[in-house]
């Protein structure tokens, strides 16, 4: 007597099997590519802006009058440590601005009305 398994194997269309294996392989390959792209994207985001880039951005805000001198000085002091680490200057003592010094980095005070002459 012939079993049910033998009958099913006899009727099996190998084209369907190969097409199914191809589909499964394509899905696995797509998942691997998506995973690699996601890992690359997260690694790129982690790098982000460096302390120098952030300091430049805040300097522009200060020059536009969005930030006060005190706010800019606080931000600059916070970013100074990160900037030294990026530049591998860990042994250098932190620079503290004195009260008599002019603003660092050639930054000028914005006019009182917040508008700059054209």
Foldseek 3Di string as FASTA:
>chain_A
DDDPVVVCVVPDDVVVVVVVVVVVVVVVVVVVVVVVVVVVVVVVVVVPDALVRVLVVVLVCQLLVVDAPVVNLVSCQVSQCRVCVVVVVNVDDRDDDDPPDDDPPPRDHADPVSDDDD
